[in-house]
Amino acid sequence: MTRHARNCTAGAVYTYHEKKKDAASSGFGTSSRRLGKDSVKSFDCCSLTLQPCHNPVITKDGYLFDKEAILTYIITKKKEHTRKMKEYERQLKQDEEEQNEKLNAENKKKLDKFISTEKNIISTKVPNPADEI
């Protein structure tokens, strides 16, 4: 009896089955799959709304859009942009007010410290490091 099919992994040929198995386990390589009907849009449908076009417009790259869909998209994005800009400006103003508030509080603290030290009859001398040398 021969040892046929005993050491089947010792072959010098990299088989189709081994290639497929390695590609699937590593995640690299090409994988081909069939696309379903729901993943491919119809020929006469808008790329934004996926509905049939009433007033079609085509781009240089070959994308088909409905003119009304483009205009509504532009208007909504413009409104969203203005809303975000107003919110950003409000946030900047609030940050500036907080910064001014901190600065005023710091100045008031320095002023209170100055007034309290000037009101004392006896003041404590602040040690000067240059005098010690």
N, C-alpha and C. Protein backbone atom coordinates (compact mmCIF):
# COMPACT_ATOMS: atom_id res chain seq x y z
N MET A 1 0.85 -1.16 0.00
CA MET A 1 0.00 0.00 0.00
C MET A 1 0.91 1.24 0.00
N THR A 2 0.58 2.18 -0.89
CA THR A 2 1.41 3.38 -1.02
C THR A 2 0.94 4.44 -0.03
N ARG A 3 1.74 5.46 0.10
CA ARG A 3 1.41 6.55 1.03
C ARG A 3 0.71 7.68 0.27
N HIS A 4 -0.18 7.35 -0.57
CA HIS A 4 -0.89 8.34 -1.36
C HIS A 4 -1.81 9.18 -0.46
N ALA A 5 -1.74 10.51 -0.59
CA ALA A 5 -2.58 11.47 0.14
C ALA A 5 -2.30 11.51 1.63
N ARG A 6 -1.14 11.01 2.04
CA ARG A 6 -0.80 11.11 3.46
C ARG A 6 -0.24 12.50 3.79
N ASN A 7 0.74 12.94 3.05
CA ASN A 7 1.36 14.24 3.28
C ASN A 7 0.89 15.21 2.20
N CYS A 8 -0.37 15.58 2.27
CA CYS A 8 -0.93 16.41 1.20
C CYS A 8 -0.49 17.87 1.30
N THR A 9 0.09 18.28 2.41
CA THR A 9 0.56 19.66 2.53
C THR A 9 2.00 19.83 2.08
N ALA A 10 2.65 18.75 1.71
CA ALA A 10 4.05 18.82 1.32
C ALA A 10 4.23 19.08 -0.17
N GLY A 11 3.16 19.38 -0.88
CA GLY A 11 3.27 19.60 -2.33
C GLY A 11 3.95 20.92 -2.64
N ALA A 12 4.60 21.00 -3.78
CA ALA A 12 5.32 22.20 -4.19
C ALA A 12 4.41 23.20 -4.89
N VAL A 13 3.16 22.84 -5.10
CA VAL A 13 2.23 23.68 -5.84
C VAL A 13 1.28 24.36 -4.85
N TYR A 14 1.07 25.67 -5.05
CA TYR A 14 0.13 26.44 -4.23
C TYR A 14 -1.22 26.39 -4.93
N THR A 15 -2.14 25.61 -4.40
CA THR A 15 -3.39 25.33 -5.11
C THR A 15 -4.38 26.48 -5.01
N TYR A 16 -5.38 26.43 -5.85
CA TYR A 16 -6.44 27.44 -5.88
C TYR A 16 -7.17 27.47 -4.55
N HIS A 17 -7.45 26.31 -4.00
CA HIS A 17 -8.15 26.23 -2.71
C HIS A 17 -7.33 26.90 -1.61
N GLU A 18 -6.01 26.66 -1.59
CA GLU A 18 -5.16 27.28 -0.58
C GLU A 18 -5.11 28.80 -0.75
N LYS A 19 -5.07 29.27 -1.99
CA LYS A 19 -5.09 30.71 -2.25
C LYS A 19 -6.36 31.34 -1.71
N LYS A 20 -7.50 30.74 -2.00
CA LYS A 20 -8.78 31.27 -1.52
C LYS A 20 -8.85 31.27 0.00
N LYS A 21 -8.38 30.20 0.61
CA LYS A 21 -8.40 30.08 2.06
C LYS A 21 -7.51 31.14 2.71
N ASP A 22 -6.30 31.34 2.17
CA ASP A 22 -5.39 32.35 2.71
C ASP A 22 -5.92 33.76 2.52
N ALA A 23 -6.52 34.03 1.36
CA ALA A 23 -7.07 35.36 1.10
C ALA A 23 -8.22 35.66 2.05
N ALA A 24 -9.05 34.67 2.33
CA ALA A 24 -10.19 34.88 3.23
C ALA A 24 -9.72 35.09 4.66
N SER A 25 -8.70 34.36 5.08
CA SER A 25 -8.26 34.48 6.47
C SER A 25 -7.44 35.75 6.71
N SER A 26 -6.68 36.21 5.71
CA SER A 26 -5.84 37.39 5.91
C SER A 26 -6.59 38.69 5.69
N GLY A 27 -7.64 38.67 4.89
CA GLY A 27 -8.39 39.90 4.62
C GLY A 27 -7.83 40.69 3.46
N PHE A 28 -6.72 40.23 2.87
CA PHE A 28 -6.13 40.90 1.73
C PHE A 28 -6.53 40.18 0.45
N GLY A 29 -6.26 40.82 -0.67
CA GLY A 29 -6.57 40.20 -1.95
C GLY A 29 -7.91 40.68 -2.47
N THR A 30 -8.32 40.11 -3.55
CA THR A 30 -9.59 40.51 -4.16
C THR A 30 -10.68 39.55 -3.76
N SER A 31 -11.85 40.09 -3.60
CA SER A 31 -13.01 39.25 -3.35
C SER A 31 -14.12 39.75 -4.26
N SER A 32 -14.70 38.85 -4.97
CA SER A 32 -15.76 39.25 -5.90
C SER A 32 -17.09 38.75 -5.38
N ARG A 33 -18.05 39.64 -5.41
CA ARG A 33 -19.40 39.30 -4.97
C ARG A 33 -20.38 39.89 -5.95
N ARG A 34 -21.53 39.32 -6.01
CA ARG A 34 -22.59 39.88 -6.84
C ARG A 34 -23.33 40.95 -6.05
N LEU A 35 -23.64 42.04 -6.72
CA LEU A 35 -24.39 43.11 -6.09
C LEU A 35 -25.87 42.87 -6.28
N GLY A 36 -26.63 43.16 -5.24
CA GLY A 36 -28.07 43.00 -5.34
C GLY A 36 -28.71 44.16 -6.07
N LYS A 37 -29.98 44.03 -6.40
CA LYS A 37 -30.69 45.07 -7.14
C LYS A 37 -30.81 46.36 -6.32
N ASP A 38 -30.89 46.23 -5.01
CA ASP A 38 -31.05 47.42 -4.18
C ASP A 38 -29.76 48.24 -4.06
N SER A 39 -28.61 47.67 -4.41
CA SER A 39 -27.36 48.42 -4.30
C SER A 39 -26.99 49.15 -5.58
N VAL A 40 -27.72 48.93 -6.65
CA VAL A 40 -27.47 49.62 -7.92
C VAL A 40 -28.69 50.47 -8.23
N LYS A 41 -28.47 51.79 -8.44
CA LYS A 41 -29.62 52.66 -8.71
C LYS A 41 -30.09 52.49 -10.14
N SER A 42 -31.34 52.81 -10.35
CA SER A 42 -31.92 52.69 -11.68
C SER A 42 -31.29 53.72 -12.62
N PHE A 43 -31.42 53.49 -13.90
CA PHE A 43 -30.77 54.32 -14.92
C PHE A 43 -31.29 55.75 -14.92
N ASP A 44 -32.58 55.94 -14.71
CA ASP A 44 -33.18 57.27 -14.83
C ASP A 44 -33.42 57.94 -13.48
N CYS A 45 -32.75 57.50 -12.43
CA CYS A 45 -33.00 58.03 -11.09
C CYS A 45 -31.92 59.03 -10.66
N CYS A 46 -32.34 59.97 -9.83
CA CYS A 46 -31.45 60.99 -9.29
C CYS A 46 -30.47 60.34 -8.31
N SER A 47 -29.24 60.83 -8.29
CA SER A 47 -28.23 60.28 -7.39
C SER A 47 -28.43 60.72 -5.94
N LEU A 48 -29.18 61.81 -5.71
CA LEU A 48 -29.44 62.27 -4.35
C LEU A 48 -30.69 61.64 -3.76
N THR A 49 -31.78 61.67 -4.52
CA THR A 49 -33.06 61.20 -3.98
C THR A 49 -33.38 59.77 -4.35
N LEU A 50 -32.68 59.21 -5.34
CA LEU A 50 -32.93 57.86 -5.85
C LEU A 50 -34.35 57.69 -6.38
N GLN A 51 -34.95 58.79 -6.81
CA GLN A 51 -36.28 58.79 -7.41
C GLN A 51 -36.13 59.15 -8.89
N PRO A 52 -37.10 58.79 -9.72
CA PRO A 52 -37.03 59.18 -11.14
C PRO A 52 -36.98 60.70 -11.29
N CYS A 53 -36.15 61.17 -12.22
CA CYS A 53 -35.94 62.61 -12.41
C CYS A 53 -37.08 63.24 -13.21
N HIS A 54 -37.54 64.42 -12.76
CA HIS A 54 -38.55 65.19 -13.49
C HIS A 54 -37.88 66.25 -14.35
N ASN A 55 -36.83 66.88 -13.81
CA ASN A 55 -36.07 67.90 -14.53
C ASN A 55 -34.60 67.50 -14.44
N PRO A 56 -34.13 66.56 -15.28
CA PRO A 56 -32.80 65.98 -15.11
C PRO A 56 -31.67 66.93 -15.49
N VAL A 57 -30.57 66.82 -14.73
CA VAL A 57 -29.33 67.55 -15.00
C VAL A 57 -28.21 66.53 -14.87
N ILE A 58 -27.27 66.57 -15.81
CA ILE A 58 -26.16 65.61 -15.77
C ILE A 58 -24.84 66.35 -15.59
N THR A 59 -23.93 65.77 -14.83
CA THR A 59 -22.62 66.40 -14.59
C THR A 59 -21.63 65.94 -15.65
N LYS A 60 -20.44 66.54 -15.62
CA LYS A 60 -19.39 66.16 -16.57
C LYS A 60 -18.94 64.72 -16.34
N ASP A 61 -19.04 64.26 -15.09
CA ASP A 61 -18.62 62.90 -14.76
C ASP A 61 -19.69 61.87 -15.08
N GLY A 62 -20.88 62.31 -15.45
CA GLY A 62 -21.94 61.39 -15.84
C GLY A 62 -22.94 61.08 -14.75
N TYR A 63 -22.95 61.85 -13.68
CA TYR A 63 -23.93 61.64 -12.61
C TYR A 63 -25.21 62.37 -12.95
N LEU A 64 -26.33 61.71 -12.70
CA LEU A 64 -27.63 62.26 -13.02
C LEU A 64 -28.29 62.79 -11.74
N PHE A 65 -28.76 64.04 -11.80
CA PHE A 65 -29.43 64.66 -10.66
C PHE A 65 -30.72 65.30 -11.12
N ASP A 66 -31.63 65.47 -10.17
CA ASP A 66 -32.83 66.25 -10.42
C ASP A 66 -32.53 67.68 -9.98
N LYS A 67 -32.90 68.65 -10.81
CA LYS A 67 -32.56 70.04 -10.53
C LYS A 67 -33.18 70.50 -9.21
N GLU A 68 -34.40 70.09 -8.94
CA GLU A 68 -35.06 70.47 -7.69
C GLU A 68 -34.32 69.89 -6.49
N ALA A 69 -33.83 68.66 -6.61
CA ALA A 69 -33.09 68.03 -5.51
C ALA A 69 -31.78 68.78 -5.24
N ILE A 70 -31.12 69.22 -6.31
CA ILE A 70 -29.88 69.98 -6.14
C ILE A 70 -30.15 71.28 -5.40
N LEU A 71 -31.19 71.99 -5.82
CA LEU A 71 -31.50 73.28 -5.20
C LEU A 71 -31.91 73.13 -3.74
N THR A 72 -32.73 72.14 -3.44
CA THR A 72 -33.11 71.93 -2.03
C THR A 72 -31.90 71.53 -1.19
N TYR A 73 -31.01 70.73 -1.76
CA TYR A 73 -29.78 70.34 -1.05
C TYR A 73 -28.92 71.57 -0.76
N ILE A 74 -28.76 72.43 -1.76
CA ILE A 74 -27.95 73.64 -1.57
C ILE A 74 -28.57 74.55 -0.51
N ILE A 75 -29.88 74.71 -0.55
CA ILE A 75 -30.56 75.58 0.42
C ILE A 75 -30.42 75.04 1.83
N THR A 76 -30.63 73.73 2.01
CA THR A 76 -30.51 73.16 3.35
C THR A 76 -29.09 73.26 3.88
N LYS A 77 -28.10 73.03 3.02
CA LYS A 77 -26.71 73.13 3.46
C LYS A 77 -26.34 74.58 3.79
N LYS A 78 -26.89 75.53 3.03
CA LYS A 78 -26.62 76.94 3.30
C LYS A 78 -27.22 77.34 4.65
N LYS A 79 -28.45 76.89 4.93
CA LYS A 79 -29.08 77.18 6.22
C LYS A 79 -28.30 76.55 7.36
N GLU A 80 -27.86 75.33 7.15
CA GLU A 80 -27.08 74.64 8.18
C GLU A 80 -25.76 75.37 8.43
N HIS A 81 -25.13 75.84 7.36
CA HIS A 81 -23.87 76.57 7.50
C HIS A 81 -24.07 77.88 8.26
N THR A 82 -25.13 78.63 7.95
CA THR A 82 -25.37 79.89 8.66
C THR A 82 -25.69 79.64 10.13
N ARG A 83 -26.43 78.57 10.41
CA ARG A 83 -26.74 78.23 11.79
C ARG A 83 -25.46 77.89 12.55
N LYS A 84 -24.58 77.12 11.94
CA LYS A 84 -23.33 76.77 12.60
C LYS A 84 -22.43 77.98 12.78
N MET A 85 -22.43 78.91 11.82
CA MET A 85 -21.63 80.13 11.95
C MET A 85 -22.14 81.00 13.11
N LYS A 86 -23.48 81.13 13.23
CA LYS A 86 -24.04 81.89 14.34
C LYS A 86 -23.67 81.25 15.67
N GLU A 87 -23.74 79.93 15.73
CA GLU A 87 -23.39 79.22 16.96
C GLU A 87 -21.90 79.41 17.28
N TYR A 88 -21.07 79.38 16.26
CA TYR A 88 -19.63 79.58 16.44
C TYR A 88 -19.34 81.00 16.94
N GLU A 89 -19.99 82.00 16.35
CA GLU A 89 -19.79 83.38 16.79
C GLU A 89 -20.27 83.59 18.22
N ARG A 90 -21.39 82.95 18.56
CA ARG A 90 -21.90 83.03 19.93
C ARG A 90 -20.90 82.40 20.90
N GLN A 91 -20.32 81.28 20.51
CA GLN A 91 -19.33 80.62 21.36
C GLN A 91 -18.09 81.48 21.52
N LEU A 92 -17.64 82.12 20.44
CA LEU A 92 -16.48 83.01 20.53
C LEU A 92 -16.76 84.18 21.46
N LYS A 93 -17.96 84.76 21.34
CA LYS A 93 -18.34 85.88 22.20
C LYS A 93 -18.38 85.45 23.67
N GLN A 94 -18.92 84.27 23.92
CA GLN A 94 -19.00 83.75 25.28
C GLN A 94 -17.59 83.50 25.84
N ASP A 95 -16.70 82.95 25.03
CA ASP A 95 -15.33 82.72 25.48
C ASP A 95 -14.62 84.04 25.79
N GLU A 96 -14.86 85.04 24.95
CA GLU A 96 -14.25 86.36 25.17
C GLU A 96 -14.77 86.98 26.46
N GLU A 97 -16.08 86.84 26.73
CA GLU A 97 -16.65 87.37 27.96
C GLU A 97 -16.06 86.67 29.18
N GLU A 98 -15.90 85.35 29.09
CA GLU A 98 -15.31 84.61 30.21
C GLU A 98 -13.87 85.06 30.45
N GLN A 99 -13.13 85.29 29.35
CA GLN A 99 -11.74 85.75 29.48
C GLN A 99 -11.69 87.12 30.15
N ASN A 100 -12.58 88.03 29.72
CA ASN A 100 -12.64 89.36 30.34
C ASN A 100 -13.03 89.28 31.80
N GLU A 101 -13.95 88.38 32.11
CA GLU A 101 -14.39 88.20 33.49
C GLU A 101 -13.24 87.71 34.37
N LYS A 102 -12.45 86.77 33.86
CA LYS A 102 -11.30 86.28 34.61
C LYS A 102 -10.27 87.39 34.81
N LEU A 103 -10.04 88.17 33.77
CA LEU A 103 -9.08 89.27 33.85
C LEU A 103 -9.54 90.32 34.86
N ASN A 104 -10.83 90.65 34.85
CA ASN A 104 -11.38 91.61 35.82
C ASN A 104 -11.27 91.08 37.24
N ALA A 105 -11.55 89.79 37.43
CA ALA A 105 -11.45 89.20 38.76
C ALA A 105 -10.01 89.24 39.26
N GLU A 106 -9.07 88.96 38.37
CA GLU A 106 -7.65 88.99 38.74
C GLU A 106 -7.21 90.41 39.09
N ASN A 107 -7.65 91.39 38.31
CA ASN A 107 -7.31 92.79 38.61
C ASN A 107 -7.91 93.24 39.94
N LYS A 108 -9.15 92.82 40.20
CA LYS A 108 -9.80 93.18 41.47
C LYS A 108 -9.06 92.54 42.64
N LYS A 109 -8.61 91.31 42.46
CA LYS A 109 -7.87 90.63 43.52
C LYS A 109 -6.55 91.36 43.81
N LYS A 110 -5.85 91.78 42.75
CA LYS A 110 -4.61 92.54 42.94
C LYS A 110 -4.88 93.87 43.63
N LEU A 111 -5.96 94.53 43.23
CA LEU A 111 -6.32 95.82 43.84
C LEU A 111 -6.65 95.65 45.31
N ASP A 112 -7.44 94.63 45.66
CA ASP A 112 -7.78 94.37 47.06
C ASP A 112 -6.52 94.07 47.88
N LYS A 113 -5.60 93.31 47.32
CA LYS A 113 -4.36 93.00 48.03
C LYS A 113 -3.54 94.27 48.25
N PHE A 114 -3.48 95.12 47.23
CA PHE A 114 -2.74 96.37 47.35
C PHE A 114 -3.35 97.27 48.42
N ILE A 115 -4.69 97.38 48.39
CA ILE A 115 -5.37 98.24 49.38
C ILE A 115 -5.17 97.70 50.78
N SER A 116 -5.25 96.38 50.96
CA SER A 116 -5.09 95.81 52.30
C SER A 116 -3.67 96.00 52.82
N THR A 117 -2.67 95.92 51.94
CA THR A 117 -1.30 96.15 52.41
C THR A 117 -1.02 97.62 52.66
N GLU A 118 -1.66 98.52 51.94
CA GLU A 118 -1.45 99.96 52.13
C GLU A 118 -2.17 100.48 53.37
N LYS A 119 -3.24 99.82 53.78
CA LYS A 119 -3.99 100.25 54.96
C LYS A 119 -3.24 99.93 56.25
N ASN A 120 -2.43 98.91 56.22
CA ASN A 120 -1.67 98.54 57.42
C ASN A 120 -0.67 99.64 57.77
N ILE A 121 -0.55 99.91 59.06
CA ILE A 121 0.43 100.88 59.52
C ILE A 121 1.82 100.27 59.42
N ILE A 122 1.93 99.03 59.87
CA ILE A 122 3.20 98.33 59.81
C ILE A 122 3.14 97.38 58.61
N SER A 123 4.06 97.57 57.73
CA SER A 123 4.08 96.68 56.57
C SER A 123 5.22 95.69 56.72
N THR A 124 5.03 94.53 56.25
CA THR A 124 6.09 93.52 56.30
C THR A 124 6.94 93.66 55.06
N LYS A 125 8.22 93.61 55.28
CA LYS A 125 9.14 93.77 54.17
C LYS A 125 9.20 92.45 53.39
N VAL A 126 9.09 92.59 52.11
CA VAL A 126 9.19 91.42 51.25
C VAL A 126 10.66 91.14 51.03
N PRO A 127 11.10 89.91 51.31
CA PRO A 127 12.54 89.62 51.14
C PRO A 127 12.94 89.71 49.68
N ASN A 128 14.07 90.38 49.46
CA ASN A 128 14.59 90.54 48.12
C ASN A 128 15.75 89.57 47.95
N PRO A 129 15.72 88.70 46.98
CA PRO A 129 16.81 87.73 46.82
C PRO A 129 18.13 88.39 46.46
N ALA A 130 18.13 89.59 45.89
CA ALA A 130 19.38 90.26 45.52
C ALA A 130 20.13 90.76 46.76
N ASP A 131 19.41 91.08 47.84
CA ASP A 131 20.04 91.58 49.06
C ASP A 131 20.80 90.48 49.79
N GLU A 132 20.38 89.25 49.65
CA GLU A 132 20.99 88.14 50.37
C GLU A 132 22.34 87.76 49.79
N ILE A 133 22.60 88.08 48.59
CA ILE A 133 23.85 87.67 47.92
C ILE A 133 24.99 88.57 48.23
